[in-house]
Amino acid sequence: QVQLVESGGGLVQAGESLRLSCAASGRTASRSAMGWFRQAPGKEREFVAAINWGGVVPYYSESVQGRFTISRDNAANTVFLQMNSLKSEDTAVYFCAAASRGTLTGGSSSTRYWDYWGQGTQVTVSS
């Protein structure tokens, strides 16, 4: 079992930055691939970014490529999402996810790939 707790959300203006954190606990947390998804009101949960257990293979959605950076600190069992140049369309609840496997495949952009989820943190970007 892996437990996930997100933090760092808030209200910012367009163009500003936020850094989300996801603290993971559980026996296999440091060996799990980790990801971020988001869900805006009335929309499906969508993939944002993911990283393998070693922290050297990041993967991003096209909508955030070049603006967001995912990283991890395995010693602290924490995954980060640095979000720069935020836009109003980035407004959503952001969820941290963990997989039972440590690697990423093409299917990792699907919610079905991920086994554990946090409760989410709200990010609101005003224009």
Foldseek 3Di string as FASTA:
>chain_A
DKAKAKDWADEEAAQAKTKMKIAIDDDCLLQWKKFKWWDDPPGDIWGAKIAFSVFPDIDGDPVQPPFWDWGDDSVRSMIMIIGGRDDQVVWTWMKMFIAPHRDDDPPPRDPVRTDDIYPTDTHGYHD
